Amino acid sequence: MAKQEFLLEAKSRTDVGKGASRRLRRLENEIPAIIYGAGKDPASITLSHDAIFHALENEAFFSSIIDINLDGAKESVVLKDLQRHPARPIIMHADFLRVRADVELTVNVPLHFMNEESCPGVKLENGQVSHMINDLEVTCLPKDLPEYIEVDVGEMHVGDTLHLSDLKLPEGVSSVELSHGEENDLAVASVQEIREQILEEPEEAAETAEGAEGEAPEGDEGGDGDSADDEESSD
């Protein structure tokens, strides 16, 4: 499958600070952002809020090389950080890291779980697939960066667990966790049996409650008198 291409138009920004950023968002529907890395000075830029907001609706945007056209010059970057408004659907700020063709980069790539419904554990053994992680931190050259990594669970049975070492990573792509040693071979997915909880029928529960109300515990008769005696003795 051909990789999707993303292009954002940007302008250089000289007016910085919180007040300037608020004016950008409110008056011009633009957001502040920064481009850094690759041995160059950081560049403060502005982006169309709507353009980046719609780009973020595509999962591939988070794990793709993005071209930013900055004042007529193209910068190749990856998205490194994003600040959203805590209560409203508004992007507040974005950080982009420059990439070089000959330098490896570290990116989180989403996992796509395949064949969940047809695996024996689900189809034949009353199980369900649980995802332990939903993305994987990888290292690779920009040309090898995948949009996502497939996780095939089609052969899993109840009780099986899939680990990082079981994944088939694309050529040139390596797991950051596994590079730290075998003890970091994290679980990715497992199949567990669905345990059904047997609930009482409403009528049976009501009958049980009524029966309990009709039975007086031993020694309950004359309980009021006992209370009175207790009060007198306490006096």
Protein backbone atom coordinates (compact mmCIF):
# COMPACT_ATOMS: atom_id res chain seq x y z
CA MET A 1 0.00 0.00 0.00
CA ALA A 2 1.35 3.42 -0.96
CA LYS A 3 2.15 5.74 1.91
CA GLN A 4 -0.06 8.74 2.40
CA GLU A 5 1.51 12.13 1.88
CA PHE A 6 0.89 15.11 4.14
CA LEU A 7 1.68 18.72 3.32
CA LEU A 8 1.07 21.69 5.61
CA GLU A 9 1.46 25.36 4.71
CA ALA A 10 3.22 27.44 7.36
CA LYS A 11 4.44 30.98 7.98
CA SER A 12 7.34 32.21 10.07
CA ARG A 13 6.34 33.76 13.40
CA THR A 14 8.21 36.58 15.07
CA ASP A 15 5.52 37.71 17.53
CA VAL A 16 5.84 35.20 20.36
CA GLY A 17 4.38 34.89 23.86
CA LYS A 18 1.05 33.87 25.37
CA GLY A 19 -0.74 37.02 24.29
CA ALA A 20 0.40 36.65 20.70
CA SER A 21 -0.62 32.98 20.67
CA ARG A 22 -4.10 33.84 21.96
CA ARG A 23 -4.51 36.46 19.24
CA LEU A 24 -3.45 33.93 16.60
CA ARG A 25 -6.09 31.45 17.69
CA ARG A 26 -8.87 33.95 18.24
CA LEU A 27 -8.42 36.37 15.33
CA GLU A 28 -6.70 34.36 12.61
CA ASN A 29 -7.75 30.76 13.34
CA GLU A 30 -4.09 29.78 13.38
CA ILE A 31 -1.96 28.00 15.97
CA PRO A 32 1.67 28.47 17.05
CA ALA A 33 4.12 25.65 16.44
CA ILE A 34 7.84 24.99 16.41
CA ILE A 35 10.23 23.05 14.18
CA TYR A 36 13.54 21.91 15.67
CA GLY A 37 16.34 19.37 15.26
CA ALA A 38 18.76 18.24 12.53
CA GLY A 39 21.44 20.63 13.75
CA LYS A 40 19.46 23.74 12.77
CA ASP A 41 18.06 26.55 14.87
CA PRO A 42 14.45 26.12 16.04
CA ALA A 43 11.89 27.87 13.86
CA SER A 44 8.71 29.39 15.30
CA ILE A 45 5.84 29.03 12.85
CA THR A 46 2.09 29.37 12.51
CA LEU A 47 -0.27 26.82 10.96
CA SER A 48 -3.89 26.87 9.93
CA HIS A 49 -5.87 25.36 12.80
CA ASP A 50 -8.38 23.73 10.45
CA ALA A 51 -5.67 22.18 8.28
CA ILE A 52 -3.87 20.46 11.14
CA PHE A 53 -7.14 19.57 12.90
CA HIS A 54 -8.36 17.66 9.84
CA ALA A 55 -4.93 16.07 9.30
CA LEU A 56 -5.05 14.71 12.85
CA GLU A 57 -8.23 12.81 12.02
CA ASN A 58 -6.03 10.48 9.96
CA GLU A 59 -4.18 7.98 12.15
CA ALA A 60 -1.27 7.89 9.69
CA PHE A 61 -0.46 11.55 10.39
CA PHE A 62 1.09 10.55 13.73
CA SER A 63 3.57 8.12 12.17
CA SER A 64 4.38 9.69 8.80
CA ILE A 65 6.96 12.04 7.38
CA ILE A 66 5.17 15.39 7.03
CA ASP A 67 6.23 18.09 4.59
CA ILE A 68 5.87 21.63 5.86
CA ASN A 69 6.09 24.39 3.26
CA LEU A 70 7.60 27.24 5.25
CA ASP A 71 7.78 30.49 3.34
CA GLY A 72 8.49 28.63 0.11
CA ALA A 73 11.07 26.20 1.57
CA LYS A 74 10.12 22.60 2.37
CA GLU A 75 10.93 21.01 5.74
CA SER A 76 10.53 17.24 6.31
CA VAL A 77 9.37 16.58 9.86
CA VAL A 78 7.53 14.21 12.19
CA LEU A 79 5.02 15.25 14.83
CA LYS A 80 6.61 14.97 18.29
CA ASP A 81 4.18 16.71 20.62
CA LEU A 82 0.69 18.14 20.53
CA GLN A 83 -1.16 20.30 23.03
CA ARG A 84 -4.96 20.23 23.00
CA HIS A 85 -7.46 22.38 24.88
CA PRO A 86 -8.60 20.42 27.97
CA ALA A 87 -12.31 20.95 27.32
CA ARG A 88 -12.81 22.11 23.73
CA PRO A 89 -11.89 20.55 20.35
CA ILE A 90 -9.04 23.00 19.79
CA ILE A 91 -5.36 22.44 19.04
CA MET A 92 -3.19 24.78 21.13
CA HIS A 93 0.38 24.07 19.98
CA ALA A 94 2.42 21.56 17.97
CA ASP A 95 6.07 20.48 18.01
CA PHE A 96 7.73 19.05 14.89
CA LEU A 97 11.13 17.35 14.65
CA ARG A 98 13.16 17.73 11.47
CA VAL A 99 14.27 14.47 9.87
CA ARG A 100 17.31 13.65 7.77
CA ALA A 101 17.37 10.82 5.27
CA ASP A 102 20.57 9.39 6.75
CA VAL A 103 19.66 9.65 10.45
CA GLU A 104 17.44 7.15 12.28
CA LEU A 105 14.43 8.50 14.14
CA THR A 106 12.34 7.16 17.01
CA VAL A 107 8.56 7.20 16.54
CA ASN A 108 5.51 5.54 18.06
CA VAL A 109 3.69 3.52 15.40
CA PRO A 110 0.10 2.25 15.86
CA LEU A 111 -0.61 -1.48 15.95
CA HIS A 112 -3.39 -2.96 13.79
CA PHE A 113 -4.72 -6.24 15.18
CA MET A 114 -5.73 -8.68 12.43
CA ASN A 115 -7.98 -11.79 12.37
CA GLU A 116 -9.38 -11.36 15.87
CA GLU A 117 -12.82 -12.80 15.11
CA SER A 118 -11.47 -15.81 13.19
CA CYS A 119 -8.79 -16.96 15.65
CA PRO A 120 -9.54 -20.33 17.33
CA GLY A 121 -9.62 -18.80 20.78
CA VAL A 122 -12.50 -16.51 19.83
CA LYS A 123 -14.32 -18.56 17.20
CA LEU A 124 -14.20 -21.98 18.90
CA GLU A 125 -13.16 -21.55 22.53
CA ASN A 126 -15.37 -18.76 23.91
CA GLY A 127 -12.47 -16.36 24.32
CA GLN A 128 -11.77 -12.72 23.62
CA VAL A 129 -8.63 -10.88 22.54
CA SER A 130 -7.17 -8.32 24.95
CA HIS A 131 -4.73 -5.65 23.74
CA MET A 132 -1.92 -4.87 26.19
CA ILE A 133 -0.45 -2.09 24.01
CA ASN A 134 -1.85 -0.16 21.06
CA ASP A 135 1.33 1.35 19.62
CA LEU A 136 5.00 0.47 19.46
CA GLU A 137 8.05 2.70 19.78
CA VAL A 138 10.38 1.92 16.88
CA THR A 139 13.67 3.13 15.45
CA CYS A 140 14.29 3.34 11.70
CA LEU A 141 15.43 5.54 8.86
CA PRO A 142 12.77 7.92 7.52
CA LYS A 143 12.36 5.88 4.32
CA ASP A 144 11.50 2.76 6.35
CA LEU A 145 8.96 4.36 8.67
CA PRO A 146 5.70 2.32 8.53
CA GLU A 147 2.27 3.90 8.95
CA TYR A 148 1.27 0.99 11.18
CA ILE A 149 2.41 -2.50 12.18
CA GLU A 150 0.15 -5.52 11.71
CA VAL A 151 -0.33 -7.91 14.62
CA ASP A 152 -1.78 -11.21 13.37
CA VAL A 153 -3.63 -13.07 16.13
CA GLY A 154 -5.23 -15.56 13.73
CA GLU A 155 -3.56 -18.63 15.29
CA MET A 156 -4.09 -17.79 18.96
CA HIS A 157 -5.97 -20.05 21.40
CA VAL A 158 -7.37 -19.33 24.86
CA GLY A 159 -4.43 -18.87 27.22
CA ASP A 160 -2.01 -17.75 24.49
CA THR A 161 -0.02 -14.51 24.79
CA LEU A 162 1.74 -12.68 21.97
CA HIS A 163 4.95 -10.79 22.83
CA LEU A 164 7.01 -8.12 21.10
CA SER A 165 9.47 -10.77 19.90
CA ASP A 166 6.61 -12.49 18.05
CA LEU A 167 5.87 -9.47 15.87
CA LYS A 168 7.05 -9.36 12.28
CA LEU A 169 8.50 -5.89 11.93
CA PRO A 170 9.15 -4.40 8.49
CA GLU A 171 12.72 -4.50 7.20
CA GLY A 172 14.86 -1.77 8.72
CA VAL A 173 12.52 -1.28 11.69
CA SER A 174 13.47 -2.30 15.24
CA SER A 175 11.68 -2.19 18.59
CA VAL A 176 13.10 0.24 21.13
CA GLU A 177 11.91 -1.93 24.04
CA LEU A 178 13.58 -5.09 22.72
CA SER A 179 16.83 -3.20 22.19
CA HIS A 180 17.04 -2.88 25.99
CA GLY A 181 17.11 -6.67 26.52
CA GLU A 182 14.91 -9.77 26.66
CA GLU A 183 13.40 -8.68 29.97
CA ASN A 184 11.60 -5.97 28.00
CA ASP A 185 9.79 -8.47 25.76
CA LEU A 186 6.40 -7.01 26.64
CA ALA A 187 3.07 -8.76 26.13
CA VAL A 188 1.17 -7.35 23.16
CA ALA A 189 -2.06 -9.37 23.13
CA SER A 190 -3.62 -12.35 24.87
CA VAL A 191 -6.73 -14.50 24.53
CA GLN A 192 -8.72 -15.07 27.71
CA GLU A 193 -11.82 -17.20 28.25
CA ILE A 194 -15.03 -15.24 28.73
CA ARG A 195 -16.38 -16.13 32.17
CA GLU A 196 -20.16 -15.96 32.27
CA GLN A 197 -21.77 -14.75 35.48
CA ILE A 198 -25.02 -16.55 36.36
CA LEU A 199 -27.55 -14.10 37.73
CA GLU A 200 -30.76 -14.98 39.65
CA GLU A 201 -33.99 -14.50 37.79
CA PRO A 202 -35.94 -11.49 39.15
CA GLU A 203 -38.85 -13.70 40.37
CA GLU A 204 -36.51 -16.08 42.21
CA ALA A 205 -34.72 -13.17 43.87
CA ALA A 206 -38.05 -11.68 45.00
CA GLU A 207 -39.23 -15.01 46.48
CA THR A 208 -35.97 -15.39 48.37
CA ALA A 209 -36.34 -11.90 49.82
CA GLU A 210 -39.96 -12.52 50.87
CA GLY A 211 -39.02 -15.79 52.60
CA ALA A 212 -36.30 -14.06 54.55
CA GLU A 213 -38.69 -11.35 55.75
CA GLY A 214 -41.26 -13.92 56.99
CA GLU A 215 -38.81 -15.78 59.23
CA ALA A 216 -38.24 -14.17 62.61
CA PRO A 217 -34.88 -14.97 64.18
CA GLU A 218 -34.83 -16.95 67.45
CA GLY A 219 -35.20 -14.84 70.56
CA ASP A 220 -36.82 -12.00 68.65
CA GLU A 221 -40.11 -12.23 70.58
CA GLY A 222 -40.26 -9.87 73.47
CA GLY A 223 -37.48 -7.87 72.03
CA ASP A 224 -39.15 -4.60 73.09
CA GLY A 225 -39.31 -5.79 76.68
CA ASP A 226 -35.67 -6.68 76.61
CA SER A 227 -34.89 -3.18 75.43
CA ALA A 228 -36.90 -1.69 78.24
CA ASP A 229 -35.11 -3.87 80.82
CA ASP A 230 -31.82 -2.82 79.36
CA GLU A 231 -32.78 0.85 79.69
CA GLU A 232 -33.83 0.36 83.35
CA SER A 233 -30.65 -1.48 84.22
CA SER A 234 -28.59 1.19 82.55
CA ASP A 235 -30.28 3.80 84.71
